Amino acid sequence: MKQQIGLGGSCHWCTEAIFSSLKGVESVDQGWFKSSDNSSQFSEAIRLRFDPHKISLTDLIAIHIDTHSATSEHSMREKYRSAIYVYTSTQSEAAQHALNLKQADYNKPLITHVLLAGEFKHSPSQYQNYYFSNPNKPFCEVRINPKLTMLLTRYHDNVDSSKLTHLSQ
């Protein structure tokens, strides 16, 4: 059975490119999420649908943590909330367990929150699939390519390398 989750913490152009490059991820919607808490503000994020038989929630969360500043409380945190947006209590428990496992790789505490998914708003259509439509734009070359190169190195078993043939490996 397919599942969906939301991930936030970095520019959604970066996050969309990373998760669109993974085996088992069937779709990625770029936009803004807020939690089901009424006081929550919208924050840049993606919503993805995945096949848990091809990629686990634990692997998705590990990749998420390793591809954004998951220990940094910076001035843009409201816009780039470090979060995992879940849809069920089972996902919430699994996400918290995955965060606890990943914490061992970091000296500083992870600031990523597990939140119940609320409303999601899509980015304008001209920004959807931004990286793969504009791989030679300076932002893509400077900000996204290094993350994708790391992804190919650290998580090569999870990457659909046919989507990243333009990167030097």
C-alpha atoms as a PDB file:
ATOM      1  CA  MET A   1       0.000   0.000   0.000  1.00  0.00           C
ATOM      2  CA  LYS A   2       1.339   3.425  -0.967  1.00  0.00           C
ATOM      3  CA  GLN A   3       1.918   6.024   1.749  1.00  0.00           C
ATOM      4  CA  GLN A   4       2.400   9.763   1.816  1.00  0.00           C
ATOM      5  CA  ILE A   5       4.321  12.081   4.130  1.00  0.00           C
ATOM      6  CA  GLY A   6       5.469  15.673   4.089  1.00  0.00           C
ATOM      7  CA  LEU A   7       9.011  16.911   4.632  1.00  0.00           C
ATOM      8  CA  GLY A   8      10.212  20.425   5.337  1.00  0.00           C
ATOM      9  CA  GLY A   9      13.437  22.055   6.388  1.00  0.00           C
ATOM     10  CA  SER A  10      15.062  23.432   3.308  1.00  0.00           C
ATOM     11  CA  CYS A  11      14.136  25.190   0.112  1.00  0.00           C
ATOM     12  CA  HIS A  12      11.409  23.141  -1.530  1.00  0.00           C
ATOM     13  CA  TRP A  13      13.300  23.260  -4.843  1.00  0.00           C
ATOM     14  CA  CYS A  14      16.152  21.380  -3.146  1.00  0.00           C
ATOM     15  CA  THR A  15      13.900  18.982  -1.289  1.00  0.00           C
ATOM     16  CA  GLU A  16      11.828  18.230  -4.384  1.00  0.00           C
ATOM     17  CA  ALA A  17      14.976  17.409  -6.421  1.00  0.00           C
ATOM     18  CA  ILE A  18      16.364  15.117  -3.729  1.00  0.00           C
ATOM     19  CA  PHE A  19      13.221  13.075  -3.191  1.00  0.00           C
ATOM     20  CA  SER A  20      12.286  12.973  -6.891  1.00  0.00           C
ATOM     21  CA  SER A  21      15.620  11.184  -7.415  1.00  0.00           C
ATOM     22  CA  LEU A  22      14.828   8.238  -5.151  1.00  0.00           C
ATOM     23  CA  LYS A  23      13.678   4.748  -6.038  1.00  0.00           C
ATOM     24  CA  GLY A  24      10.268   4.036  -4.557  1.00  0.00           C
ATOM     25  CA  VAL A  25       9.159   7.681  -4.482  1.00  0.00           C
ATOM     26  CA  GLU A  26       6.251   7.847  -6.873  1.00  0.00           C
ATOM     27  CA  SER A  27       5.427  11.568  -6.774  1.00  0.00           C
ATOM     28  CA  VAL A  28       6.600  14.766  -5.138  1.00  0.00           C
ATOM     29  CA  ASP A  29       4.421  17.846  -4.732  1.00  0.00           C
ATOM     30  CA  GLN A  30       6.221  21.063  -3.912  1.00  0.00           C
ATOM     31  CA  GLY A  31       4.617  23.785  -1.837  1.00  0.00           C
ATOM     32  CA  TRP A  32       3.811  24.791   1.727  1.00  0.00           C
ATOM     33  CA  PHE A  33       2.605  22.726   4.666  1.00  0.00           C
ATOM     34  CA  LYS A  34       1.191  23.558   8.006  1.00  0.00           C
ATOM     35  CA  SER A  35       0.466  21.157  10.796  1.00  0.00           C
ATOM     36  CA  SER A  36      -3.057  20.361  11.890  1.00  0.00           C
ATOM     37  CA  ASP A  37      -2.471  22.688  14.867  1.00  0.00           C
ATOM     38  CA  ASN A  38      -4.507  25.827  14.168  1.00  0.00           C
ATOM     39  CA  SER A  39      -1.673  28.087  15.339  1.00  0.00           C
ATOM     40  CA  SER A  40       0.755  26.651  12.798  1.00  0.00           C
ATOM     41  CA  GLN A  41       2.046  28.836   9.974  1.00  0.00           C
ATOM     42  CA  PHE A  42       2.724  27.574   6.449  1.00  0.00           C
ATOM     43  CA  SER A  43       6.333  26.580   5.773  1.00  0.00           C
ATOM     44  CA  GLU A  44       8.102  25.435   2.580  1.00  0.00           C
ATOM     45  CA  ALA A  45       7.887  21.682   2.189  1.00  0.00           C
ATOM     46  CA  ILE A  46       7.106  18.784  -0.093  1.00  0.00           C
ATOM     47  CA  ARG A  47       4.459  16.085   0.030  1.00  0.00           C
ATOM     48  CA  LEU A  48       5.560  12.766  -1.368  1.00  0.00           C
ATOM     49  CA  ARG A  49       3.946   9.455  -2.135  1.00  0.00           C
ATOM     50  CA  PHE A  50       6.111   6.378  -1.790  1.00  0.00           C
ATOM     51  CA  ASP A  51       6.046   2.607  -1.879  1.00  0.00           C
ATOM     52  CA  PRO A  52       7.282   1.382   1.529  1.00  0.00           C
ATOM     53  CA  HIS A  53       8.271  -1.948  -0.070  1.00  0.00           C
ATOM     54  CA  LYS A  54      10.814  -0.069  -2.216  1.00  0.00           C
ATOM     55  CA  ILE A  55      11.992   2.602   0.249  1.00  0.00           C
ATOM     56  CA  SER A  56      11.353   2.685   3.959  1.00  0.00           C
ATOM     57  CA  LEU A  57      10.117   5.621   5.985  1.00  0.00           C
ATOM     58  CA  THR A  58      13.312   5.264   8.049  1.00  0.00           C
ATOM     59  CA  ASP A  59      15.458   5.713   4.911  1.00  0.00           C
ATOM     60  CA  LEU A  60      13.374   8.685   3.748  1.00  0.00           C
ATOM     61  CA  ILE A  61      13.809  10.376   7.122  1.00  0.00           C
ATOM     62  CA  ALA A  62      17.556   9.645   7.243  1.00  0.00           C
ATOM     63  CA  ILE A  63      17.942  11.247   3.801  1.00  0.00           C
ATOM     64  CA  HIS A  64      15.809  14.183   4.888  1.00  0.00           C
ATOM     65  CA  ILE A  65      17.921  14.796   7.994  1.00  0.00           C
ATOM     66  CA  ASP A  66      21.200  14.516   6.070  1.00  0.00           C
ATOM     67  CA  THR A  67      20.126  16.955   3.330  1.00  0.00           C
ATOM     68  CA  HIS A  68      19.118  20.000   5.382  1.00  0.00           C
ATOM     69  CA  SER A  69      20.307  21.861   8.481  1.00  0.00           C
ATOM     70  CA  ALA A  70      18.435  19.651  10.926  1.00  0.00           C
ATOM     71  CA  THR A  71      20.365  20.926  13.958  1.00  0.00           C
ATOM     72  CA  SER A  72      20.361  24.644  13.175  1.00  0.00           C
ATOM     73  CA  GLU A  73      17.966  27.219  14.635  1.00  0.00           C
ATOM     74  CA  HIS A  74      18.614  29.942  12.055  1.00  0.00           C
ATOM     75  CA  SER A  75      16.752  33.150  11.235  1.00  0.00           C
ATOM     76  CA  MET A  76      14.770  31.501   8.405  1.00  0.00           C
ATOM     77  CA  ARG A  77      13.415  28.593  10.496  1.00  0.00           C
ATOM     78  CA  GLU A  78       9.844  29.872  10.338  1.00  0.00           C
ATOM     79  CA  LYS A  79       9.956  29.749   6.528  1.00  0.00           C
ATOM     80  CA  TYR A  80      11.971  26.516   6.517  1.00  0.00           C
ATOM     81  CA  ARG A  81      10.539  24.542   9.453  1.00  0.00           C
ATOM     82  CA  SER A  82      12.435  21.295  10.027  1.00  0.00           C
ATOM     83  CA  ALA A  83       9.535  18.873  10.070  1.00  0.00           C
ATOM     84  CA  ILE A  84       8.099  15.523   9.120  1.00  0.00           C
ATOM     85  CA  TYR A  85       4.375  15.799   8.408  1.00  0.00           C
ATOM     86  CA  VAL A  86       2.624  12.502   9.111  1.00  0.00           C
ATOM     87  CA  TYR A  87      -0.894  11.298   8.415  1.00  0.00           C
ATOM     88  CA  THR A  88      -1.309   8.489  10.960  1.00  0.00           C
ATOM     89  CA  SER A  89      -0.267   7.630  14.505  1.00  0.00           C
ATOM     90  CA  THR A  90       1.682   4.670  13.114  1.00  0.00           C
ATOM     91  CA  GLN A  91       3.684   7.026  10.872  1.00  0.00           C
ATOM     92  CA  SER A  92       4.207   9.364  13.831  1.00  0.00           C
ATOM     93  CA  GLU A  93       5.691   6.593  15.962  1.00  0.00           C
ATOM     94  CA  ALA A  94       7.870   5.339  13.097  1.00  0.00           C
ATOM     95  CA  ALA A  95       9.070   8.867  12.294  1.00  0.00           C
ATOM     96  CA  GLN A  96       9.984   9.566  15.915  1.00  0.00           C
ATOM     97  CA  HIS A  97      11.845   6.238  16.088  1.00  0.00           C
ATOM     98  CA  ALA A  98      13.745   7.085  12.868  1.00  0.00           C
ATOM     99  CA  LEU A  99      14.704  10.493  14.308  1.00  0.00           C
ATOM    100  CA  ASN A 100      15.945   8.847  17.490  1.00  0.00           C
ATOM    101  CA  LEU A 101      18.095   6.470  15.437  1.00  0.00           C
ATOM    102  CA  LYS A 102      19.478   9.311  13.298  1.00  0.00           C
ATOM    103  CA  GLN A 103      20.337  11.447  16.336  1.00  0.00           C
ATOM    104  CA  ALA A 104      23.334   9.156  16.955  1.00  0.00           C
ATOM    105  CA  ASP A 105      24.979  10.596  13.799  1.00  0.00           C
ATOM    106  CA  TYR A 106      24.889  14.177  15.140  1.00  0.00           C
ATOM    107  CA  ASN A 107      26.661  15.933  18.021  1.00  0.00           C
ATOM    108  CA  LYS A 108      23.959  18.585  18.321  1.00  0.00           C
ATOM    109  CA  PRO A 109      20.269  17.842  18.961  1.00  0.00           C
ATOM    110  CA  LEU A 110      18.037  17.428  15.931  1.00  0.00           C
ATOM    111  CA  ILE A 111      15.369  20.143  15.856  1.00  0.00           C
ATOM    112  CA  THR A 112      13.104  18.286  13.457  1.00  0.00           C
ATOM    113  CA  HIS A 113       9.517  17.966  14.663  1.00  0.00           C
ATOM    114  CA  VAL A 114       7.064  15.204  13.851  1.00  0.00           C
ATOM    115  CA  LEU A 115       3.769  16.981  13.149  1.00  0.00           C
ATOM    116  CA  LEU A 116       0.321  15.846  12.115  1.00  0.00           C
ATOM    117  CA  ALA A 117      -0.146  16.985   8.505  1.00  0.00           C
ATOM    118  CA  GLY A 118      -2.616  19.785   7.996  1.00  0.00           C
ATOM    119  CA  GLU A 119      -3.297  21.873   4.928  1.00  0.00           C
ATOM    120  CA  PHE A 120      -0.945  21.707   1.932  1.00  0.00           C
ATOM    121  CA  LYS A 121      -0.737  24.391  -0.769  1.00  0.00           C
ATOM    122  CA  HIS A 122       1.020  23.749  -4.084  1.00  0.00           C
ATOM    123  CA  SER A 123       3.673  26.102  -5.399  1.00  0.00           C
ATOM    124  CA  PRO A 124       2.813  27.861  -8.664  1.00  0.00           C
ATOM    125  CA  SER A 125       3.121  25.521 -11.656  1.00  0.00           C
ATOM    126  CA  GLN A 126       6.202  27.309 -13.055  1.00  0.00           C
ATOM    127  CA  TYR A 127       8.154  26.219  -9.955  1.00  0.00           C
ATOM    128  CA  GLN A 128       7.085  22.570  -9.970  1.00  0.00           C
ATOM    129  CA  ASN A 129       9.875  20.179 -10.950  1.00  0.00           C
ATOM    130  CA  TYR A 130      12.150  23.216 -10.750  1.00  0.00           C
ATOM    131  CA  TYR A 131      15.514  21.479 -10.671  1.00  0.00           C
ATOM    132  CA  PHE A 132      14.901  19.017 -13.489  1.00  0.00           C
ATOM    133  CA  SER A 133      13.491  21.834 -15.638  1.00  0.00           C
ATOM    134  CA  ASN A 134      16.422  24.172 -14.860  1.00  0.00           C
ATOM    135  CA  PRO A 135      19.516  22.115 -13.900  1.00  0.00           C
ATOM    136  CA  ASN A 136      21.924  24.715 -15.312  1.00  0.00           C
ATOM    137  CA  LYS A 137      20.525  27.693 -13.395  1.00  0.00           C
ATOM    138  CA  PRO A 138      23.081  29.076 -10.928  1.00  0.00           C
ATOM    139  CA  PHE A 139      20.900  28.250  -7.900  1.00  0.00           C
ATOM    140  CA  CYS A 140      20.642  24.626  -9.024  1.00  0.00           C
ATOM    141  CA  GLU A 141      24.361  24.309  -9.687  1.00  0.00           C
ATOM    142  CA  VAL A 142      25.409  25.960  -6.417  1.00  0.00           C
ATOM    143  CA  ARG A 143      22.748  24.727  -3.965  1.00  0.00           C
ATOM    144  CA  ILE A 144      21.137  21.572  -5.312  1.00  0.00           C
ATOM    145  CA  ASN A 145      23.933  19.776  -7.187  1.00  0.00           C
ATOM    146  CA  PRO A 146      26.107  19.362  -4.042  1.00  0.00           C
ATOM    147  CA  LYS A 147      23.161  17.791  -2.196  1.00  0.00           C
ATOM    148  CA  LEU A 148      22.489  15.420  -5.089  1.00  0.00           C
ATOM    149  CA  THR A 149      26.169  14.503  -5.314  1.00  0.00           C
ATOM    150  CA  MET A 150      26.152  13.660  -1.587  1.00  0.00           C
ATOM    151  CA  LEU A 151      22.959  11.663  -2.131  1.00  0.00           C
ATOM    152  CA  LEU A 152      24.651   9.622  -4.876  1.00  0.00           C
ATOM    153  CA  THR A 153      27.614   8.937  -2.599  1.00  0.00           C
ATOM    154  CA  ARG A 154      25.897   8.219   0.724  1.00  0.00           C
ATOM    155  CA  TYR A 155      22.582   6.737  -0.423  1.00  0.00           C
ATOM    156  CA  HIS A 156      23.469   5.248  -3.819  1.00  0.00           C
ATOM    157  CA  ASP A 157      21.307   2.146  -3.251  1.00  0.00           C
ATOM    158  CA  ASN A 158      18.228   4.367  -2.891  1.00  0.00           C
ATOM    159  CA  VAL A 159      18.948   6.667  -5.854  1.00  0.00           C
ATOM    160  CA  ASP A 160      17.532   6.281  -9.331  1.00  0.00           C
ATOM    161  CA  SER A 161      20.837   7.279 -10.930  1.00  0.00           C
ATOM    162  CA  SER A 162      19.226   7.506 -14.377  1.00  0.00           C
ATOM    163  CA  LYS A 163      17.673  10.774 -13.182  1.00  0.00           C
ATOM    164  CA  LEU A 164      21.069  12.194 -12.241  1.00  0.00           C
ATOM    165  CA  THR A 165      23.252  11.254 -15.218  1.00  0.00           C
ATOM    166  CA  HIS A 166      24.169  14.934 -15.721  1.00  0.00           C
ATOM    167  CA  LEU A 167      26.131  14.975 -12.434  1.00  0.00           C
ATOM    168  CA  SER A 168      29.737  13.861 -12.508  1.00  0.00           C
ATOM    169  CA  GLN A 169      30.014  10.716 -10.415  1.00  0.00           C
END
